[in-house]
């Protein structure tokens, strides 16, 4: 289960805004989420960790981490562009990792480059969320080519890889039904098996572009691909 820690866009999609989610509502949500084996919170799109705004970004993440702690959520995803002063980045991420540890969660940076930097930190509570769709958008071709094949990237990241967003891409269009675009899921699955296949993943599809049947097909394909047992 994955959801956004923001109000969303009226008439389009809805998330859970920490500032308006009081104790009673948090208690109710925690009870409902207990039925899921894994839960992810996606930080608001307005928060994107950048070198020029790291201090403010860490402050903005405080209520998101608080929501994760209250709901017992194991992972917070946040967009990031790790580049620039490596010393400043490491100090900020050590602080973020400490805060995540206190909240009993982990933070996964959703990135398409900067993998060497994140891996080099070696922080137990800060790692990578690999959005396979973003990686295969034409705009990110150069970053993908620098990172190597998706299988090699997964093996390289190893324990630094904390989570996956699974979707397909066709040209500039992403969040499509799995196995209808260019993402090499078989290669991805083989690499995941090589590193122990220990990750959570969010099936991140656009319901305006994928029918309910397409969502079910995507899930069935991924279960076959990853060697998981179908549920009744």
C-alpha atoms as a PDB file:
ATOM      1  CA  UNK A   1       0.000   0.000   0.000  1.00  0.00           C
ATOM      2  CA  UNK A   2       1.294   3.435  -0.884  1.00  0.00           C
ATOM      3  CA  UNK A   3      -0.174   6.908  -0.423  1.00  0.00           C
ATOM      4  CA  UNK A   4       0.865  10.560  -0.599  1.00  0.00           C
ATOM      5  CA  UNK A   5       1.402  12.771   2.452  1.00  0.00           C
ATOM      6  CA  UNK A   6      -0.398  15.710   0.846  1.00  0.00           C
ATOM      7  CA  UNK A   7      -3.970  16.715   0.168  1.00  0.00           C
ATOM      8  CA  UNK A   8      -3.688  15.893  -3.533  1.00  0.00           C
ATOM      9  CA  UNK A   9      -5.454  17.684  -6.369  1.00  0.00           C
ATOM     10  CA  UNK A  10      -9.218  18.251  -5.992  1.00  0.00           C
ATOM     11  CA  UNK A  11     -11.163  16.223  -8.503  1.00  0.00           C
ATOM     12  CA  UNK A  12      -8.100  14.245  -9.585  1.00  0.00           C
ATOM     13  CA  UNK A  13      -6.529  12.396  -6.657  1.00  0.00           C
ATOM     14  CA  UNK A  14      -6.503  12.496  -2.881  1.00  0.00           C
ATOM     15  CA  UNK A  15      -3.761  11.926  -0.330  1.00  0.00           C
ATOM     16  CA  UNK A  16      -3.466  12.291   3.441  1.00  0.00           C
ATOM     17  CA  UNK A  17      -2.326  15.731   4.572  1.00  0.00           C
ATOM     18  CA  UNK A  18      -0.400  15.418   7.886  1.00  0.00           C
ATOM     19  CA  UNK A  19      -1.483  18.849   9.160  1.00  0.00           C
ATOM     20  CA  UNK A  20      -5.172  17.980   8.926  1.00  0.00           C
ATOM     21  CA  UNK A  21      -4.878  14.354  10.037  1.00  0.00           C
ATOM     22  CA  UNK A  22      -5.553  14.453  13.783  1.00  0.00           C
ATOM     23  CA  UNK A  23      -4.938  11.802  16.460  1.00  0.00           C
ATOM     24  CA  UNK A  24      -8.288  10.045  16.064  1.00  0.00           C
ATOM     25  CA  UNK A  25      -7.924   9.825  12.281  1.00  0.00           C
ATOM     26  CA  UNK A  26      -4.344   8.606  12.617  1.00  0.00           C
ATOM     27  CA  UNK A  27      -5.455   5.885  15.013  1.00  0.00           C
ATOM     28  CA  UNK A  28      -8.175   4.797  12.568  1.00  0.00           C
ATOM     29  CA  UNK A  29      -5.767   4.744   9.626  1.00  0.00           C
ATOM     30  CA  UNK A  30      -3.211   2.773  11.607  1.00  0.00           C
ATOM     31  CA  UNK A  31      -5.808   0.093  12.326  1.00  0.00           C
ATOM     32  CA  UNK A  32      -6.771  -0.109   8.660  1.00  0.00           C
ATOM     33  CA  UNK A  33      -3.155  -0.303   7.486  1.00  0.00           C
ATOM     34  CA  UNK A  34      -2.324  -3.188   9.802  1.00  0.00           C
ATOM     35  CA  UNK A  35      -3.770  -5.563   7.221  1.00  0.00           C
ATOM     36  CA  UNK A  36      -1.046  -4.699   4.702  1.00  0.00           C
ATOM     37  CA  UNK A  37       2.366  -6.361   4.756  1.00  0.00           C
ATOM     38  CA  UNK A  38       4.107  -3.152   3.677  1.00  0.00           C
ATOM     39  CA  UNK A  39       3.128   0.524   3.566  1.00  0.00           C
ATOM     40  CA  UNK A  40       4.915   3.424   1.876  1.00  0.00           C
ATOM     41  CA  UNK A  41       4.301   7.152   2.234  1.00  0.00           C
ATOM     42  CA  UNK A  42       5.313   9.395  -0.647  1.00  0.00           C
ATOM     43  CA  UNK A  43       6.404  12.850   0.486  1.00  0.00           C
ATOM     44  CA  UNK A  44       4.702  15.819  -1.245  1.00  0.00           C
ATOM     45  CA  UNK A  45       5.986  16.646  -4.731  1.00  0.00           C
ATOM     46  CA  UNK A  46       6.803  20.121  -3.436  1.00  0.00           C
ATOM     47  CA  UNK A  47       9.620  18.575  -1.394  1.00  0.00           C
ATOM     48  CA  UNK A  48      12.565  17.613  -3.597  1.00  0.00           C
ATOM     49  CA  UNK A  49      15.921  17.337  -1.884  1.00  0.00           C
ATOM     50  CA  UNK A  50      18.351  19.652  -3.659  1.00  0.00           C
ATOM     51  CA  UNK A  51      21.742  21.024  -2.685  1.00  0.00           C
ATOM     52  CA  UNK A  52      20.467  24.599  -2.471  1.00  0.00           C
ATOM     53  CA  UNK A  53      17.468  23.782  -0.254  1.00  0.00           C
ATOM     54  CA  UNK A  54      18.585  20.851   1.909  1.00  0.00           C
ATOM     55  CA  UNK A  55      18.040  22.557   5.269  1.00  0.00           C
ATOM     56  CA  UNK A  56      14.513  23.685   4.378  1.00  0.00           C
ATOM     57  CA  UNK A  57      13.712  20.307   2.831  1.00  0.00           C
ATOM     58  CA  UNK A  58      14.641  18.480   6.032  1.00  0.00           C
ATOM     59  CA  UNK A  59      12.329  20.761   8.003  1.00  0.00           C
ATOM     60  CA  UNK A  60       9.513  20.144   5.498  1.00  0.00           C
ATOM     61  CA  UNK A  61       9.932  16.372   5.937  1.00  0.00           C
ATOM     62  CA  UNK A  62       9.398  16.507   9.721  1.00  0.00           C
ATOM     63  CA  UNK A  63       5.561  16.193   9.603  1.00  0.00           C
ATOM     64  CA  UNK A  64       5.837  13.430   6.979  1.00  0.00           C
ATOM     65  CA  UNK A  65       8.149  11.427   9.246  1.00  0.00           C
ATOM     66  CA  UNK A  66       5.792  12.115  12.135  1.00  0.00           C
ATOM     67  CA  UNK A  67       2.875  10.712  10.150  1.00  0.00           C
ATOM     68  CA  UNK A  68       4.946   7.649   9.241  1.00  0.00           C
ATOM     69  CA  UNK A  69       5.786   7.071  12.910  1.00  0.00           C
ATOM     70  CA  UNK A  70       2.189   7.434  14.062  1.00  0.00           C
ATOM     71  CA  UNK A  71       0.893   5.065  11.369  1.00  0.00           C
ATOM     72  CA  UNK A  72       3.712   2.535  11.731  1.00  0.00           C
ATOM     73  CA  UNK A  73       4.794   3.029   8.105  1.00  0.00           C
ATOM     74  CA  UNK A  74       8.098   1.419   7.143  1.00  0.00           C
ATOM     75  CA  UNK A  75       9.218   3.692   4.297  1.00  0.00           C
ATOM     76  CA  UNK A  76       9.005   7.332   3.219  1.00  0.00           C
ATOM     77  CA  UNK A  77       9.834   8.128  -0.415  1.00  0.00           C
ATOM     78  CA  UNK A  78      11.038  11.604  -1.385  1.00  0.00           C
ATOM     79  CA  UNK A  79      12.261  12.958  -4.717  1.00  0.00           C
ATOM     80  CA  UNK A  80      15.884  14.076  -4.696  1.00  0.00           C
ATOM     81  CA  UNK A  81      18.696  15.350  -6.891  1.00  0.00           C
ATOM     82  CA  UNK A  82      21.867  14.373  -4.992  1.00  0.00           C
ATOM     83  CA  UNK A  83      24.678  16.394  -6.546  1.00  0.00           C
ATOM     84  CA  UNK A  84      27.114  19.088  -5.567  1.00  0.00           C
ATOM     85  CA  UNK A  85      28.910  19.364  -2.226  1.00  0.00           C
ATOM     86  CA  UNK A  86      29.228  15.733  -1.084  1.00  0.00           C
ATOM     87  CA  UNK A  87      30.177  16.784   2.470  1.00  0.00           C
ATOM     88  CA  UNK A  88      27.024  18.879   2.850  1.00  0.00           C
ATOM     89  CA  UNK A  89      24.887  16.097   1.401  1.00  0.00           C
ATOM     90  CA  UNK A  90      26.352  13.491   3.737  1.00  0.00           C
ATOM     91  CA  UNK A  91      25.806  15.675   6.796  1.00  0.00           C
ATOM     92  CA  UNK A  92      22.198  16.364   5.797  1.00  0.00           C
ATOM     93  CA  UNK A  93      21.478  12.718   5.038  1.00  0.00           C
ATOM     94  CA  UNK A  94      23.031  11.586   8.317  1.00  0.00           C
ATOM     95  CA  UNK A  95      20.646  13.975  10.051  1.00  0.00           C
ATOM     96  CA  UNK A  96      17.728  12.683   7.984  1.00  0.00           C
ATOM     97  CA  UNK A  97      18.720   9.086   8.698  1.00  0.00           C
ATOM     98  CA  UNK A  98      18.814   9.798  12.427  1.00  0.00           C
ATOM     99  CA  UNK A  99      15.353  11.373  12.280  1.00  0.00           C
ATOM    100  CA  UNK A 100      14.044   8.407  10.290  1.00  0.00           C
ATOM    101  CA  UNK A 101      15.464   6.028  12.877  1.00  0.00           C
ATOM    102  CA  UNK A 102      13.675   7.875  15.673  1.00  0.00           C
ATOM    103  CA  UNK A 103      10.452   7.606  13.659  1.00  0.00           C
ATOM    104  CA  UNK A 104      11.123   3.875  13.151  1.00  0.00           C
ATOM    105  CA  UNK A 105      11.056   4.209   9.394  1.00  0.00           C
ATOM    106  CA  UNK A 106      13.445   4.566   6.448  1.00  0.00           C
ATOM    107  CA  UNK A 107      13.768   7.205   3.743  1.00  0.00           C
ATOM    108  CA  UNK A 108      14.159   6.192   0.099  1.00  0.00           C
ATOM    109  CA  UNK A 109      15.363   8.828  -2.349  1.00  0.00           C
ATOM    110  CA  UNK A 110      13.574   8.581  -5.696  1.00  0.00           C
ATOM    111  CA  UNK A 111      16.397   9.435  -8.104  1.00  0.00           C
ATOM    112  CA  UNK A 112      17.600   8.758 -11.639  1.00  0.00           C
ATOM    113  CA  UNK A 113      21.240   9.666 -11.015  1.00  0.00           C
ATOM    114  CA  UNK A 114      23.586  10.224  -8.071  1.00  0.00           C
ATOM    115  CA  UNK A 115      23.526   6.515  -7.236  1.00  0.00           C
ATOM    116  CA  UNK A 116      27.250   6.464  -6.407  1.00  0.00           C
ATOM    117  CA  UNK A 117      26.792   9.253  -3.902  1.00  0.00           C
ATOM    118  CA  UNK A 118      23.898   7.573  -2.068  1.00  0.00           C
ATOM    119  CA  UNK A 119      25.635   4.209  -1.988  1.00  0.00           C
ATOM    120  CA  UNK A 120      28.787   5.843  -0.691  1.00  0.00           C
ATOM    121  CA  UNK A 121      26.986   7.200   2.378  1.00  0.00           C
ATOM    122  CA  UNK A 122      26.338   3.677   3.624  1.00  0.00           C
ATOM    123  CA  UNK A 123      23.454   4.880   5.788  1.00  0.00           C
ATOM    124  CA  UNK A 124      21.099   2.176   7.096  1.00  0.00           C
ATOM    125  CA  UNK A 125      18.016   4.407   7.106  1.00  0.00           C
ATOM    126  CA  UNK A 126      18.586   6.307   3.833  1.00  0.00           C
ATOM    127  CA  UNK A 127      18.724   4.611   0.442  1.00  0.00           C
ATOM    128  CA  UNK A 128      17.208   4.497  -3.028  1.00  0.00           C
ATOM    129  CA  UNK A 129      13.694   4.062  -4.350  1.00  0.00           C
ATOM    130  CA  UNK A 130      14.190   2.962  -7.949  1.00  0.00           C
ATOM    131  CA  UNK A 131      11.285   4.150 -10.087  1.00  0.00           C
ATOM    132  CA  UNK A 132      11.798   1.934 -13.127  1.00  0.00           C
ATOM    133  CA  UNK A 133       9.449   4.060 -15.224  1.00  0.00           C
ATOM    134  CA  UNK A 134      11.285   7.311 -14.597  1.00  0.00           C
ATOM    135  CA  UNK A 135      14.546   5.576 -15.429  1.00  0.00           C
ATOM    136  CA  UNK A 136      13.255   4.699 -18.918  1.00  0.00           C
ATOM    137  CA  UNK A 137      11.731   8.054 -19.858  1.00  0.00           C
ATOM    138  CA  UNK A 138      13.514   9.586 -22.884  1.00  0.00           C
ATOM    139  CA  UNK A 139      14.443  12.653 -20.823  1.00  0.00           C
ATOM    140  CA  UNK A 140      16.515  10.421 -18.522  1.00  0.00           C
ATOM    141  CA  UNK A 141      18.300   8.432 -21.230  1.00  0.00           C
ATOM    142  CA  UNK A 142      21.705   9.920 -20.460  1.00  0.00           C
ATOM    143  CA  UNK A 143      21.378   9.169 -16.751  1.00  0.00           C
ATOM    144  CA  UNK A 144      20.236   5.620 -17.494  1.00  0.00           C
ATOM    145  CA  UNK A 145      23.131   4.989 -19.836  1.00  0.00           C
ATOM    146  CA  UNK A 146      25.569   6.241 -17.195  1.00  0.00           C
ATOM    147  CA  UNK A 147      23.977   3.985 -14.582  1.00  0.00           C
ATOM    148  CA  UNK A 148      24.095   0.924 -16.846  1.00  0.00           C
ATOM    149  CA  UNK A 149      21.487  -1.753 -17.474  1.00  0.00           C
ATOM    150  CA  UNK A 150      18.759  -1.970 -14.850  1.00  0.00           C
ATOM    151  CA  UNK A 151      19.988  -5.382 -13.734  1.00  0.00           C
ATOM    152  CA  UNK A 152      23.543  -4.135 -13.232  1.00  0.00           C
ATOM    153  CA  UNK A 153      22.251  -1.067 -11.377  1.00  0.00           C
ATOM    154  CA  UNK A 154      20.164  -3.181  -8.997  1.00  0.00           C
ATOM    155  CA  UNK A 155      23.099  -5.488  -8.288  1.00  0.00           C
ATOM    156  CA  UNK A 156      25.384  -2.496  -7.750  1.00  0.00           C
ATOM    157  CA  UNK A 157      23.016  -0.810  -5.304  1.00  0.00           C
ATOM    158  CA  UNK A 158      22.470  -3.978  -3.277  1.00  0.00           C
ATOM    159  CA  UNK A 159      21.435  -3.057   0.266  1.00  0.00           C
ATOM    160  CA  UNK A 160      21.235   0.636  -0.704  1.00  0.00           C
ATOM    161  CA  UNK A 161      18.134  -0.211  -2.761  1.00  0.00           C
ATOM    162  CA  UNK A 162      15.198   0.039  -0.351  1.00  0.00           C
ATOM    163  CA  UNK A 163      12.125   0.066  -2.588  1.00  0.00           C
ATOM    164  CA  UNK A 164      10.802  -0.040  -6.155  1.00  0.00           C
ATOM    165  CA  UNK A 165       8.074   1.773  -8.046  1.00  0.00           C
ATOM    166  CA  UNK A 166       6.860  -0.561 -10.790  1.00  0.00           C
ATOM    167  CA  UNK A 167       5.206   0.749 -13.948  1.00  0.00           C
ATOM    168  CA  UNK A 168       5.834   0.765 -17.666  1.00  0.00           C
ATOM    169  CA  UNK A 169       6.765   3.480 -20.151  1.00  0.00           C
ATOM    170  CA  UNK A 170       6.082   4.086 -23.832  1.00  0.00           C
ATOM    171  CA  UNK A 171       7.841   7.176 -25.134  1.00  0.00           C
ATOM    172  CA  UNK A 172       6.984  10.141 -22.920  1.00  0.00           C
ATOM    173  CA  UNK A 173       4.031   8.339 -21.335  1.00  0.00           C
ATOM    174  CA  UNK A 174       4.619   6.525 -18.056  1.00  0.00           C
ATOM    175  CA  UNK A 175       2.561   4.832 -15.329  1.00  0.00           C
ATOM    176  CA  UNK A 176       1.337   2.352 -17.950  1.00  0.00           C
ATOM    177  CA  UNK A 177       0.330  -1.283 -17.588  1.00  0.00           C
ATOM    178  CA  UNK A 178       3.318  -3.500 -16.877  1.00  0.00           C
ATOM    179  CA  UNK A 179       4.749  -5.385 -19.894  1.00  0.00           C
ATOM    180  CA  UNK A 180       3.210  -2.991 -22.425  1.00  0.00           C
ATOM    181  CA  UNK A 181       6.229  -0.695 -22.808  1.00  0.00           C
ATOM    182  CA  UNK A 182      10.015  -0.709 -22.753  1.00  0.00           C
ATOM    183  CA  UNK A 183      10.941  -1.535 -19.150  1.00  0.00           C
ATOM    184  CA  UNK A 184      12.807  -4.904 -19.062  1.00  0.00           C
ATOM    185  CA  UNK A 185      11.045  -6.515 -16.116  1.00  0.00           C
ATOM    186  CA  UNK A 186      12.593  -9.962 -16.643  1.00  0.00           C
ATOM    187  CA  UNK A 187      16.059  -8.426 -16.338  1.00  0.00           C
ATOM    188  CA  UNK A 188      14.925  -6.533 -13.254  1.00  0.00           C
ATOM    189  CA  UNK A 189      13.513  -9.682 -11.666  1.00  0.00           C
ATOM    190  CA  UNK A 190      16.709 -11.660 -12.268  1.00  0.00           C
ATOM    191  CA  UNK A 191      18.761  -8.951 -10.549  1.00  0.00           C
ATOM    192  CA  UNK A 192      16.365  -8.801  -7.607  1.00  0.00           C
ATOM    193  CA  UNK A 193      16.752 -12.530  -7.115  1.00  0.00           C
ATOM    194  CA  UNK A 194      20.521 -12.080  -7.162  1.00  0.00           C
ATOM    195  CA  UNK A 195      20.418  -9.567  -4.283  1.00  0.00           C
ATOM    196  CA  UNK A 196      17.965 -11.622  -2.256  1.00  0.00           C
ATOM    197  CA  UNK A 197      14.594 -10.292  -3.486  1.00  0.00           C
ATOM    198  CA  UNK A 198      14.009  -8.680  -0.077  1.00  0.00           C
ATOM    199  CA  UNK A 199      12.350  -5.444  -1.236  1.00  0.00           C
ATOM    200  CA  UNK A 200       8.948  -3.929  -1.051  1.00  0.00           C
ATOM    201  CA  UNK A 201       7.465  -2.475  -4.225  1.00  0.00           C
ATOM    202  CA  UNK A 202       4.583  -0.215  -5.165  1.00  0.00           C
ATOM    203  CA  UNK A 203       2.626  -0.899  -8.352  1.00  0.00           C
ATOM    204  CA  UNK A 204       2.342   2.718  -9.511  1.00  0.00           C
ATOM    205  CA  UNK A 205      -0.180   2.835 -12.359  1.00  0.00           C
ATOM    206  CA  UNK A 206      -2.368   5.652 -13.643  1.00  0.00           C
ATOM    207  CA  UNK A 207      -6.051   4.601 -13.450  1.00  0.00           C
ATOM    208  CA  UNK A 208      -6.845   7.105 -16.218  1.00  0.00           C
ATOM    209  CA  UNK A 209      -4.582   5.074 -18.528  1.00  0.00           C
ATOM    210  CA  UNK A 210      -4.842   1.554 -17.086  1.00  0.00           C
ATOM    211  CA  UNK A 211      -8.115  -0.295 -16.652  1.00  0.00           C
ATOM    212  CA  UNK A 212      -8.839  -2.409 -13.542  1.00  0.00           C
ATOM    213  CA  UNK A 213      -8.175  -5.468 -15.711  1.00  0.00           C
ATOM    214  CA  UNK A 214      -4.840  -3.961 -16.742  1.00  0.00           C
ATOM    215  CA  UNK A 215      -3.911  -3.437 -13.093  1.00  0.00           C
ATOM    216  CA  UNK A 216      -4.746  -7.073 -12.347  1.00  0.00           C
ATOM    217  CA  UNK A 217      -2.737  -8.223 -15.379  1.00  0.00           C
ATOM    218  CA  UNK A 218       0.207  -6.134 -14.195  1.00  0.00           C
ATOM    219  CA  UNK A 219       0.091  -7.711 -10.757  1.00  0.00           C
ATOM    220  CA  UNK A 220      -0.205 -11.235 -12.172  1.00  0.00           C
ATOM    221  CA  UNK A 221       2.694 -10.624 -14.569  1.00  0.00           C
ATOM    222  CA  UNK A 222       4.941  -9.305 -11.809  1.00  0.00           C
ATOM    223  CA  UNK A 223       4.108 -12.245  -9.571  1.00  0.00           C
ATOM    224  CA  UNK A 224       5.063 -14.638 -12.352  1.00  0.00           C
ATOM    225  CA  UNK A 225       8.136 -12.603 -13.191  1.00  0.00           C
ATOM    226  CA  UNK A 226       9.350 -12.478  -9.613  1.00  0.00           C
ATOM    227  CA  UNK A 227       8.419 -16.068  -8.881  1.00  0.00           C
ATOM    228  CA  UNK A 228       5.835 -15.127  -6.279  1.00  0.00           C
ATOM    229  CA  UNK A 229       2.895 -17.361  -5.468  1.00  0.00           C
ATOM    230  CA  UNK A 230      -0.502 -16.228  -6.690  1.00  0.00           C
ATOM    231  CA  UNK A 231      -3.008 -15.473  -3.941  1.00  0.00           C
ATOM    232  CA  UNK A 232      -6.596 -16.536  -3.999  1.00  0.00           C
END
